[in-house]
N, C-alpha and C. Protein backbone atom coordinates (compact mmCIF):
# COMPACT_ATOMS: atom_id res chain seq x y z
N UNK A 1 110.05 74.89 81.23
CA UNK A 1 109.01 75.49 82.37
C UNK A 1 108.64 74.55 83.53
N UNK A 2 108.75 75.09 84.60
CA UNK A 2 108.88 74.85 85.86
C UNK A 2 107.55 74.77 86.80
N UNK A 3 107.45 73.99 87.94
CA UNK A 3 106.15 74.02 88.68
C UNK A 3 106.62 74.65 89.73
N UNK A 4 105.78 75.60 90.52
CA UNK A 4 105.82 75.87 91.78
C UNK A 4 104.69 76.16 92.16
N UNK A 5 104.04 75.77 93.32
CA UNK A 5 102.59 76.04 93.94
C UNK A 5 102.51 76.90 94.84
N UNK A 6 101.09 77.80 94.54
CA UNK A 6 101.25 78.74 95.43
C UNK A 6 99.95 78.78 95.77
N UNK A 7 99.82 79.50 97.22
CA UNK A 7 98.72 79.41 98.19
C UNK A 7 98.96 81.02 98.49
N UNK A 8 98.60 82.27 97.71
CA UNK A 8 98.88 83.26 98.39
C UNK A 8 97.97 83.93 99.72
N UNK A 9 98.77 84.35 100.54
CA UNK A 9 97.98 84.65 101.83
C UNK A 9 96.77 85.77 101.61
N UNK A 10 96.88 86.60 100.47
CA UNK A 10 95.68 87.52 100.43
C UNK A 10 94.51 86.87 100.13
N UNK A 11 94.58 85.88 99.74
CA UNK A 11 93.03 85.19 99.59
C UNK A 11 92.59 84.52 100.77
N UNK A 12 91.22 84.47 100.61
CA UNK A 12 90.43 84.11 102.19
C UNK A 12 90.71 82.70 102.26
N UNK A 13 90.94 81.96 101.15
CA UNK A 13 91.07 80.43 101.72
C UNK A 13 92.53 79.88 102.01
N UNK A 14 93.33 81.01 102.11
CA UNK A 14 94.89 80.70 102.93
C UNK A 14 94.91 79.98 103.97
N UNK A 15 93.94 80.65 104.86
CA UNK A 15 93.90 80.21 106.17
C UNK A 15 92.73 78.83 106.57
N UNK A 16 92.51 78.14 105.42
CA UNK A 16 91.36 77.00 105.32
C UNK A 16 92.31 75.78 105.49
N UNK A 17 91.81 75.13 106.39
CA UNK A 17 92.66 73.79 106.78
C UNK A 17 92.07 72.85 105.54
N UNK A 18 91.08 72.99 104.97
CA UNK A 18 90.79 72.12 103.59
C UNK A 18 91.77 72.55 102.68
N UNK A 19 91.92 73.86 102.28
CA UNK A 19 93.18 74.23 101.15
C UNK A 19 94.20 73.87 101.74
N UNK A 20 94.87 73.61 103.04
CA UNK A 20 96.19 73.37 103.22
C UNK A 20 96.41 71.96 102.82
N UNK A 21 95.27 70.96 103.29
CA UNK A 21 94.95 69.84 103.15
C UNK A 21 95.35 69.49 101.43
N UNK A 22 94.65 69.99 100.37
CA UNK A 22 94.73 69.95 99.08
C UNK A 22 96.00 70.34 98.90
N UNK A 23 96.59 71.53 99.34
CA UNK A 23 98.09 71.73 99.13
C UNK A 23 98.76 70.50 99.22
N UNK A 24 98.74 70.16 100.46
CA UNK A 24 99.81 68.97 100.84
C UNK A 24 99.51 67.69 99.99
N UNK A 25 98.54 67.16 99.76
CA UNK A 25 98.15 66.07 99.07
C UNK A 25 98.85 66.32 97.63
N UNK A 26 98.38 67.41 97.00
CA UNK A 26 99.11 67.84 95.68
C UNK A 26 100.45 67.61 95.67
N UNK A 27 100.99 68.22 96.67
CA UNK A 27 102.59 68.14 96.76
C UNK A 27 103.30 66.90 97.00
N UNK A 28 102.55 66.04 97.72
CA UNK A 28 102.95 64.72 97.92
C UNK A 28 102.81 63.94 96.55
N UNK A 29 101.80 64.21 95.76
CA UNK A 29 101.83 63.38 94.46
C UNK A 29 102.69 63.86 93.56
N UNK A 30 103.10 64.96 93.69
CA UNK A 30 103.90 65.63 92.49
C UNK A 30 105.08 66.32 92.95
N UNK A 31 105.73 65.65 93.87
CA UNK A 31 106.91 66.02 94.67
C UNK A 31 108.23 66.15 93.72
N UNK A 32 108.27 65.31 92.53
CA UNK A 32 109.29 65.18 91.99
C UNK A 32 109.14 66.45 90.68
N UNK A 33 108.08 66.74 90.47
CA UNK A 33 107.80 67.77 89.46
C UNK A 33 107.85 69.47 90.01
N UNK A 34 107.36 69.60 91.46
CA UNK A 34 107.34 70.82 91.96
C UNK A 34 109.03 71.08 92.57
N UNK A 35 109.22 72.31 91.91
CA UNK A 35 110.69 72.98 92.37
C UNK A 35 110.63 73.56 93.50
N UNK A 36 109.38 74.29 93.84
CA UNK A 36 109.51 75.51 94.96
C UNK A 36 108.24 75.26 95.59
N UNK A 37 108.15 75.71 96.83
CA UNK A 37 106.86 76.44 97.52
C UNK A 37 106.63 77.59 97.71
N UNK A 38 105.32 77.97 96.91
CA UNK A 38 105.06 79.51 97.14
C UNK A 38 104.54 79.90 95.57
N UNK A 39 103.75 81.28 95.47
CA UNK A 39 103.93 82.20 96.64
C UNK A 39 103.47 81.51 97.72
N UNK A 40 103.79 81.79 99.07
CA UNK A 40 103.38 81.65 100.42
C UNK A 40 103.90 82.84 101.47
N UNK A 41 102.92 83.36 102.25
CA UNK A 41 103.61 84.12 103.32
C UNK A 41 103.01 84.90 104.11
N UNK A 42 102.84 86.23 104.22
CA UNK A 42 102.19 86.87 104.98
C UNK A 42 101.83 88.39 104.23
N UNK A 43 100.18 88.75 104.35
CA UNK A 43 99.65 89.57 103.61
C UNK A 43 98.75 90.23 104.43
N UNK A 44 99.02 91.49 105.03
CA UNK A 44 98.33 91.99 105.92
C UNK A 44 97.48 93.48 105.04
N UNK A 45 97.58 93.41 104.02
CA UNK A 45 96.95 94.86 103.45
C UNK A 45 95.37 94.81 103.83
N UNK A 46 94.76 93.83 103.70
CA UNK A 46 93.17 93.93 104.00
C UNK A 46 93.00 93.20 105.49
N UNK A 47 93.82 92.92 106.23
CA UNK A 47 93.62 92.28 107.52
C UNK A 47 93.09 93.21 108.42
N UNK A 48 92.02 92.68 109.01
CA UNK A 48 91.22 93.47 109.89
C UNK A 48 90.95 93.07 111.32
N UNK A 49 91.79 92.06 111.77
CA UNK A 49 91.84 91.33 112.82
C UNK A 49 92.90 90.79 113.57
N UNK A 50 93.54 90.83 114.72
CA UNK A 50 94.64 90.03 115.16
C UNK A 50 94.45 88.74 114.95
N UNK A 51 93.16 88.10 115.06
CA UNK A 51 93.11 86.42 114.68
C UNK A 51 93.43 86.05 113.40
N UNK A 52 93.11 87.17 112.42
CA UNK A 52 93.57 86.84 110.92
C UNK A 52 95.11 86.80 110.86
N UNK A 53 95.83 87.64 111.70
CA UNK A 53 97.44 88.02 111.30
C UNK A 53 97.57 86.51 112.35
N UNK A 54 96.91 86.01 113.15
CA UNK A 54 97.82 84.78 113.76
C UNK A 54 97.82 83.65 112.99
N UNK A 55 96.37 83.37 112.39
CA UNK A 55 96.23 82.33 111.39
C UNK A 55 97.18 82.47 110.24
N UNK A 56 97.36 83.61 109.63
CA UNK A 56 98.43 83.81 108.51
C UNK A 56 99.71 83.31 109.08
N UNK A 57 100.60 83.54 110.19
CA UNK A 57 101.76 83.24 110.79
C UNK A 57 101.52 81.69 110.81
N UNK A 58 100.52 81.14 111.39
CA UNK A 58 100.25 79.62 111.77
C UNK A 58 100.57 79.15 110.45
N UNK A 59 99.67 79.44 109.50
CA UNK A 59 99.88 78.90 108.09
C UNK A 59 100.95 78.96 107.59
N UNK A 60 101.70 80.08 107.62
CA UNK A 60 103.06 80.44 107.04
C UNK A 60 104.27 79.16 107.64
N UNK A 61 104.28 79.07 108.71
CA UNK A 61 104.88 77.97 109.65
C UNK A 61 104.98 76.66 109.07
N UNK A 62 103.52 76.46 108.72
CA UNK A 62 103.54 75.21 108.24
C UNK A 62 104.29 75.09 106.84
N UNK A 63 103.99 75.84 105.82
CA UNK A 63 104.66 75.89 104.69
C UNK A 63 106.49 75.94 104.82
N UNK A 64 106.70 76.63 105.82
CA UNK A 64 108.07 76.66 106.27
C UNK A 64 108.67 75.17 106.85
N UNK A 65 107.88 74.41 107.37
CA UNK A 65 108.19 73.14 107.68
C UNK A 65 108.26 72.14 106.61
N UNK A 66 106.96 72.64 105.63
CA UNK A 66 107.03 71.62 104.19
C UNK A 66 108.27 71.99 103.55
N UNK A 67 108.68 72.95 103.17
CA UNK A 67 109.64 73.30 102.71
C UNK A 67 110.93 72.70 103.20
N UNK A 68 111.18 72.48 104.56
CA UNK A 68 112.29 71.71 104.99
C UNK A 68 112.34 70.35 104.87
N UNK A 69 110.98 69.89 104.76
CA UNK A 69 110.78 68.63 104.72
C UNK A 69 110.96 68.23 103.42
N UNK A 70 110.42 68.76 102.63
CA UNK A 70 110.74 68.39 100.97
C UNK A 70 111.53 68.81 100.32
N UNK A 71 112.51 69.53 101.13
CA UNK A 71 114.06 70.30 100.33
C UNK A 71 113.49 71.04 99.18
N UNK A 72 112.30 71.96 99.10
CA UNK A 72 112.02 72.71 98.24
C UNK A 72 111.96 74.29 98.63
N UNK A 73 112.84 75.08 98.34
CA UNK A 73 112.98 76.57 98.61
C UNK A 73 111.37 77.17 98.49
N UNK A 74 111.52 78.15 99.35
CA UNK A 74 110.17 79.10 99.48
C UNK A 74 110.23 80.14 98.63
N UNK A 75 109.19 80.36 98.00
CA UNK A 75 108.95 81.77 97.35
C UNK A 75 108.01 82.48 98.22
N UNK A 76 108.46 83.59 98.73
CA UNK A 76 107.91 84.61 99.42
C UNK A 76 106.77 85.52 98.94
N UNK A 77 106.00 85.86 99.51
CA UNK A 77 105.01 86.79 98.99
C UNK A 77 104.70 87.48 100.59
N UNK A 78 105.15 88.81 100.74
CA UNK A 78 104.87 89.78 101.70
C UNK A 78 104.59 91.08 101.13
N UNK A 79 103.26 91.35 102.04
CA UNK A 79 102.86 92.89 101.61
C UNK A 79 102.25 93.29 103.15
N UNK A 80 102.72 94.47 102.99
CA UNK A 80 102.26 95.47 104.57
C UNK A 80 102.67 94.23 105.72
N UNK A 81 103.57 93.25 105.52
CA UNK A 81 104.12 92.49 106.42
C UNK A 81 105.59 92.12 106.48
N UNK A 82 106.16 93.17 106.20
CA UNK A 82 107.79 92.87 105.78
C UNK A 82 108.42 92.35 106.90
N UNK A 83 108.22 93.19 108.15
CA UNK A 83 108.94 93.02 109.17
C UNK A 83 108.76 91.65 109.96
N UNK A 84 107.59 91.21 109.88
CA UNK A 84 107.11 90.05 110.47
C UNK A 84 107.47 88.77 109.89
N UNK A 85 107.54 89.25 108.31
CA UNK A 85 107.96 87.84 107.55
C UNK A 85 109.45 88.05 107.67
N UNK A 86 110.25 88.94 107.75
CA UNK A 86 111.68 88.93 108.04
C UNK A 86 112.00 88.07 109.16
N UNK A 87 111.41 88.54 110.39
CA UNK A 87 111.53 87.90 111.87
C UNK A 87 111.29 86.57 111.73
N UNK A 88 110.22 86.24 111.20
CA UNK A 88 109.81 84.73 111.27
C UNK A 88 111.04 83.90 110.12
N UNK A 89 111.38 84.41 109.12
CA UNK A 89 112.25 83.59 108.31
C UNK A 89 113.50 83.41 109.00
N UNK A 90 113.95 84.56 109.60
CA UNK A 90 115.34 84.29 110.39
C UNK A 90 115.26 83.63 111.73
N UNK A 91 114.00 83.68 112.49
CA UNK A 91 113.79 82.61 113.52
C UNK A 91 113.83 81.52 113.06
N UNK A 92 113.25 81.45 112.22
CA UNK A 92 113.31 79.65 111.67
C UNK A 92 114.29 79.14 110.92
N UNK A 93 115.26 80.07 110.89
CA UNK A 93 116.86 79.65 110.14
C UNK A 93 116.40 79.23 108.84
N UNK A 94 115.49 80.25 107.97
CA UNK A 94 115.33 79.69 106.78
C UNK A 94 116.36 80.46 105.80
N UNK A 95 116.70 79.52 104.80
CA UNK A 95 117.90 80.04 104.03
C UNK A 95 117.33 79.81 102.45
N UNK A 96 117.99 80.42 101.67
CA UNK A 96 117.81 80.02 100.33
C UNK A 96 116.18 80.35 99.54
N UNK A 97 115.39 81.16 100.33
CA UNK A 97 114.35 81.53 100.43
C UNK A 97 114.13 82.46 98.98
N UNK A 98 113.17 82.55 98.06
CA UNK A 98 113.20 83.83 97.26
C UNK A 98 112.03 84.67 97.80
N UNK A 99 112.54 86.06 97.80
CA UNK A 99 111.79 86.98 98.15
C UNK A 99 111.17 87.71 96.87
N UNK A 100 109.89 87.36 96.71
CA UNK A 100 109.21 87.71 95.61
C UNK A 100 108.96 89.09 95.43
N UNK A 101 109.41 89.93 94.46
CA UNK A 101 108.97 91.41 94.28
C UNK A 101 109.28 92.09 95.65
N UNK A 102 110.47 91.73 96.46
CA UNK A 102 110.52 92.18 97.63
C UNK A 102 110.26 93.61 97.94
N UNK A 103 109.37 94.07 98.89
CA UNK A 103 108.96 95.29 99.26
C UNK A 103 109.35 95.98 100.12
N UNK A 104 110.48 95.48 100.83
CA UNK A 104 111.08 95.89 102.02
C UNK A 104 112.26 96.87 102.03
N UNK A 105 112.68 96.98 102.98
CA UNK A 105 113.91 98.10 103.04
C UNK A 105 115.31 97.43 102.91
N UNK A 106 116.43 98.15 102.45
CA UNK A 106 117.64 97.41 102.04
C UNK A 106 118.07 96.97 103.62
N UNK A 107 117.83 97.48 104.65
CA UNK A 107 118.57 96.77 105.80
C UNK A 107 117.79 95.53 106.04
N UNK A 108 116.36 95.42 105.83
CA UNK A 108 115.97 94.13 105.69
C UNK A 108 116.29 93.12 104.66
N UNK A 109 116.86 93.74 104.00
CA UNK A 109 117.10 92.61 102.59
C UNK A 109 118.67 92.25 103.02
N UNK A 110 119.44 92.94 103.48
CA UNK A 110 120.76 92.59 103.92
C UNK A 110 120.67 91.40 105.20
N UNK A 111 119.46 91.78 106.04
CA UNK A 111 119.47 90.68 107.08
C UNK A 111 119.27 89.40 106.28
N UNK A 112 118.43 89.41 105.22
CA UNK A 112 117.93 87.93 104.88
C UNK A 112 119.03 87.17 103.93
N UNK A 113 119.87 88.32 103.28
CA UNK A 113 120.93 87.46 102.30
C UNK A 113 122.01 86.98 103.38
N UNK A 114 122.10 87.31 104.84
CA UNK A 114 123.18 86.97 105.77
C UNK A 114 122.59 85.45 105.78
N UNK A 115 121.66 85.04 105.38
CA UNK A 115 121.09 83.58 105.41
C UNK A 115 121.11 82.92 104.18
N UNK A 116 121.64 83.71 103.39
CA UNK A 116 121.92 83.29 101.97
C UNK A 116 120.20 83.02 101.28
N UNK A 117 119.41 83.99 101.49
CA UNK A 117 118.09 84.21 100.92
C UNK A 117 118.20 85.01 99.47
N UNK A 118 117.54 84.83 98.62
CA UNK A 118 117.40 85.64 97.29
C UNK A 118 116.45 86.70 97.46
N UNK A 119 117.01 87.76 97.00
CA UNK A 119 116.00 89.49 96.28
C UNK A 119 115.63 89.31 95.50
N UNK A 120 114.36 88.83 94.67
CA UNK A 120 113.59 89.30 93.65
C UNK A 120 113.46 90.71 93.12
N UNK A 121 114.14 91.05 92.17
CA UNK A 121 113.43 92.58 91.92
C UNK A 121 112.56 92.78 90.29
N UNK A 122 111.53 92.99 90.64
CA UNK A 122 110.67 93.15 89.46
C UNK A 122 110.82 94.12 88.24
N UNK A 123 110.10 94.08 87.15
CA UNK A 123 110.50 95.25 86.36
C UNK A 123 109.98 96.61 86.75
N UNK A 124 109.03 96.79 87.60
CA UNK A 124 108.83 98.03 88.31
C UNK A 124 109.99 98.72 88.70
N UNK A 125 111.21 98.16 89.07
CA UNK A 125 112.49 99.08 89.21
C UNK A 125 112.67 100.18 88.25
N UNK A 126 112.24 100.07 87.06
CA UNK A 126 112.36 101.29 86.24
C UNK A 126 111.75 102.62 86.82
N UNK A 127 110.93 102.40 87.54
CA UNK A 127 110.25 103.66 88.06
C UNK A 127 110.33 103.55 89.92
N UNK A 128 110.44 102.59 90.27
CA UNK A 128 110.58 102.45 91.79
C UNK A 128 111.63 102.91 92.60
N UNK A 129 111.77 103.96 93.47
CA UNK A 129 112.71 104.18 94.13
C UNK A 129 113.37 103.32 95.27
N UNK A 130 112.51 102.54 95.87
CA UNK A 130 112.65 101.53 96.57
C UNK A 130 113.17 100.46 96.03
N UNK A 131 112.84 99.85 94.87
CA UNK A 131 113.55 98.97 94.33
C UNK A 131 115.24 99.38 93.68
N UNK A 132 115.26 100.36 93.24
CA UNK A 132 116.56 101.05 92.88
C UNK A 132 117.39 100.97 94.24
N UNK A 133 116.98 101.28 95.31
CA UNK A 133 117.73 101.20 96.51
C UNK A 133 118.24 100.14 96.88
N UNK A 134 117.03 98.74 96.81
CA UNK A 134 117.74 97.53 96.98
C UNK A 134 118.71 96.91 96.20
N UNK A 135 118.73 97.43 94.74
CA UNK A 135 119.51 96.85 93.66
C UNK A 135 120.86 97.57 94.07
N UNK A 136 120.70 98.68 94.40
CA UNK A 136 122.27 99.35 94.80
C UNK A 136 122.63 98.65 95.77
N UNK A 137 122.32 98.35 96.99
CA UNK A 137 122.72 97.62 97.88
C UNK A 137 123.02 96.26 98.21
N UNK A 138 122.24 95.64 97.52
CA UNK A 138 122.30 93.95 97.26
C UNK A 138 123.16 93.58 96.30
N UNK A 139 124.14 92.70 96.89
CA UNK A 139 125.01 92.29 95.72
C UNK A 139 124.54 91.39 94.98
N UNK A 140 125.16 91.37 93.47
CA UNK A 140 124.28 90.55 92.51
C UNK A 140 124.22 88.95 92.96
N UNK A 141 125.26 88.71 93.61
CA UNK A 141 125.38 87.20 94.21
C UNK A 141 123.92 86.71 94.82
N UNK A 142 123.10 87.80 95.10
CA UNK A 142 121.93 87.31 95.73
C UNK A 142 120.69 88.17 95.17
N UNK A 143 120.92 88.45 93.89
CA UNK A 143 119.85 89.07 93.28
C UNK A 143 118.89 88.08 92.11
N UNK A 144 117.92 88.21 92.09
CA UNK A 144 117.17 87.82 90.89
C UNK A 144 116.10 88.80 90.38
N UNK A 145 115.59 88.28 89.17
CA UNK A 145 114.99 89.46 88.38
C UNK A 145 113.57 88.65 88.02
N UNK A 146 112.37 89.35 88.00
CA UNK A 146 111.30 88.62 87.33
C UNK A 146 110.24 89.79 87.00
N UNK A 147 109.29 89.59 86.16
CA UNK A 147 108.23 90.47 85.88
C UNK A 147 107.34 90.60 86.92
N UNK A 148 106.81 89.44 87.47
CA UNK A 148 105.27 89.47 87.93
C UNK A 148 104.38 89.94 87.37
N UNK A 149 104.32 89.60 85.87
CA UNK A 149 103.45 89.64 84.92
C UNK A 149 102.07 88.95 85.47
N UNK A 150 100.92 89.53 85.13
CA UNK A 150 100.62 90.76 84.15
C UNK A 150 100.79 92.07 84.93
N UNK A 151 101.16 92.05 86.18
CA UNK A 151 101.19 93.51 86.77
C UNK A 151 102.66 93.82 86.77
N UNK A 152 102.77 95.15 87.37
CA UNK A 152 104.21 95.79 87.21
C UNK A 152 104.96 96.06 86.13
N UNK A 153 104.13 96.52 84.70
CA UNK A 153 104.92 96.78 83.47
C UNK A 153 105.77 97.85 83.89
N UNK A 154 106.91 97.84 82.94
CA UNK A 154 107.84 98.93 83.31
C UNK A 154 107.33 100.03 82.34
N UNK A 155 106.40 99.77 81.46
CA UNK A 155 105.99 100.95 80.47
C UNK A 155 104.71 101.84 81.00
N UNK A 156 104.74 102.80 81.13
CA UNK A 156 103.67 103.82 81.21
C UNK A 156 102.34 103.43 80.28
N UNK A 157 102.64 103.18 79.01
CA UNK A 157 101.55 102.95 78.14
C UNK A 157 101.24 101.67 78.10
N UNK A 158 101.97 100.78 78.82
CA UNK A 158 101.47 99.47 78.39
C UNK A 158 100.95 99.00 79.88
N UNK A 159 99.75 98.75 79.81
CA UNK A 159 99.50 98.23 81.32
C UNK A 159 99.89 96.60 81.55
N UNK A 160 99.57 95.88 80.74
CA UNK A 160 100.22 94.38 80.91
C UNK A 160 101.37 94.04 80.76
N UNK A 161 101.85 93.47 81.91
CA UNK A 161 103.37 93.38 81.86
C UNK A 161 103.35 91.81 81.07
N UNK A 162 104.35 91.64 80.46
CA UNK A 162 104.92 90.62 79.63
C UNK A 162 106.26 89.76 80.27
N UNK A 163 106.40 88.55 79.90
CA UNK A 163 107.86 87.75 80.29
C UNK A 163 108.68 88.43 79.70
N UNK A 164 108.50 88.96 78.19
CA UNK A 164 109.50 89.28 77.29
C UNK A 164 110.14 90.85 77.93
N UNK A 165 109.37 91.54 78.91
CA UNK A 165 109.79 92.61 79.38
C UNK A 165 110.87 92.51 80.95
N UNK A 166 111.21 91.19 80.82
CA UNK A 166 112.14 90.92 81.75
C UNK A 166 113.60 91.51 81.79
N UNK A 167 113.83 91.79 80.57
CA UNK A 167 114.96 92.48 80.24
C UNK A 167 115.21 93.93 80.64
N UNK A 168 114.05 94.40 80.97
CA UNK A 168 113.84 96.03 81.54
C UNK A 168 114.74 95.94 82.90
N UNK A 169 114.62 94.86 83.72
CA UNK A 169 115.31 95.05 85.13
C UNK A 169 116.37 94.63 85.03
N UNK A 170 116.62 93.78 84.11
CA UNK A 170 118.00 93.58 84.05
C UNK A 170 118.70 94.99 83.44
N UNK A 171 118.44 95.57 82.36
CA UNK A 171 119.11 96.84 82.26
C UNK A 171 119.18 97.97 83.16
N UNK A 172 118.04 97.98 83.85
CA UNK A 172 118.08 98.90 85.01
C UNK A 172 119.23 98.59 85.93
N UNK A 173 119.18 97.44 86.31
CA UNK A 173 120.38 97.07 87.50
C UNK A 173 122.07 96.94 86.69
N UNK A 174 121.90 96.75 85.90
CA UNK A 174 123.10 97.24 85.15
C UNK A 174 123.42 98.54 85.12
N UNK A 175 122.76 99.40 84.83
CA UNK A 175 122.79 100.95 84.87
C UNK A 175 123.09 100.99 86.24
N UNK A 176 122.27 100.82 87.28
CA UNK A 176 122.66 100.99 88.65
C UNK A 176 123.86 100.62 89.14
N UNK A 177 124.29 99.39 88.67
CA UNK A 177 125.46 99.13 89.33
C UNK A 177 126.89 99.35 88.48
N UNK A 178 126.97 99.80 87.52
CA UNK A 178 127.82 100.39 86.48
C UNK A 178 128.51 98.87 86.02
N UNK A 179 127.53 98.02 85.71
CA UNK A 179 127.96 96.91 85.15
C UNK A 179 127.48 96.49 83.80
N UNK A 180 127.97 95.55 82.98
CA UNK A 180 127.48 95.34 81.55
C UNK A 180 126.05 94.43 82.20
N UNK A 181 125.25 94.59 81.17
CA UNK A 181 123.82 93.64 80.91
C UNK A 181 124.07 92.21 80.94
N UNK A 182 125.26 91.77 80.03
CA UNK A 182 125.61 90.64 80.05
C UNK A 182 125.88 90.06 81.25
N UNK A 183 126.64 90.53 82.46
CA UNK A 183 127.05 90.27 83.57
C UNK A 183 125.82 90.25 84.48
N UNK A 184 124.73 90.95 84.33
CA UNK A 184 123.90 91.00 85.52
C UNK A 184 122.81 89.85 84.78
N UNK A 185 122.50 89.58 83.52
CA UNK A 185 121.79 88.43 83.14
C UNK A 185 122.44 87.29 83.35
N UNK A 186 123.90 87.19 83.28
CA UNK A 186 124.45 85.70 83.62
C UNK A 186 124.55 85.33 85.06
N UNK A 187 124.65 86.43 85.87
CA UNK A 187 124.69 86.14 87.55
C UNK A 187 123.31 85.90 87.91
N UNK A 188 122.22 86.64 87.46
CA UNK A 188 120.82 86.12 87.83
C UNK A 188 120.24 85.11 87.16
N UNK A 189 120.85 84.66 86.05
CA UNK A 189 120.55 83.48 85.66
C UNK A 189 121.11 82.05 86.44
N UNK A 190 122.28 82.34 86.88
CA UNK A 190 123.29 81.54 87.71
C UNK A 190 122.37 81.24 88.90
N UNK A 191 122.12 82.54 89.82
CA UNK A 191 121.33 82.55 90.91
C UNK A 191 120.08 81.79 91.06
N UNK A 192 119.53 82.03 89.75
CA UNK A 192 118.42 81.12 89.57
C UNK A 192 118.24 79.60 89.66
N UNK A 193 119.25 79.12 89.17
CA UNK A 193 119.75 77.79 88.90
C UNK A 193 119.84 77.20 90.43
N UNK A 194 120.70 78.24 91.12
CA UNK A 194 121.25 77.58 92.48
C UNK A 194 119.69 77.60 93.35
N UNK A 195 118.99 78.99 93.13
CA UNK A 195 117.88 79.16 94.35
C UNK A 195 117.09 77.93 94.40
N UNK A 196 116.70 77.62 92.80
CA UNK A 196 115.85 76.62 92.65
C UNK A 196 116.10 75.04 92.45
N UNK A 197 117.53 75.03 92.69
CA UNK A 197 118.02 73.66 92.65
C UNK A 197 117.87 72.94 91.38
N UNK A 198 117.95 73.72 90.12
CA UNK A 198 117.50 73.20 88.89
C UNK A 198 118.74 72.55 88.37
N UNK A 199 118.45 71.45 87.60
CA UNK A 199 119.31 70.97 86.52
C UNK A 199 118.98 70.99 85.30
N UNK A 200 119.47 71.66 84.42
CA UNK A 200 118.84 71.79 82.93
C UNK A 200 119.68 70.47 82.29
N UNK A 201 119.09 69.90 81.41
CA UNK A 201 119.38 69.00 80.10
C UNK A 201 119.49 69.89 79.09
């Protein structure tokens, strides 16, 4: 089990200076145990003012700087804000970021992988045309898989998602790409090792 510290932008405390200070203090104290920064990013779903958008972008830039300073990959949350998120990541020259449950278009995904960022596909791919399109167009070299549990269950009759359901994402990607399940699991596993700079003992 590995540690990544999240401060989701959809929460009201994301733009609080005190929250950022606490985050920074924890990161400094635990930098050898933390493997990634995130989820962080942009979330405009419930945003009602331009000022909040400005503040979210300001905080996001701080996390990008932290990622660079501590050499930790970013895990990116973006909702109703994909174009701004992609633009900021590319303008800042971010590479090696993990795009959590990527909600954007294939063209946006392809722009991101040019900078060697990773596109993570959740188990909702079994019923999501958008996720299917991403899996079709993004090469296995830049794909990761996830559950995002407890949400995004791949089963209509089971509401709560579980880590055990991860295989459903791999199976669907194998079907889409016409390759073996073993190839998908091996490649996405190796991508995870690279993305998070892991050393397995």
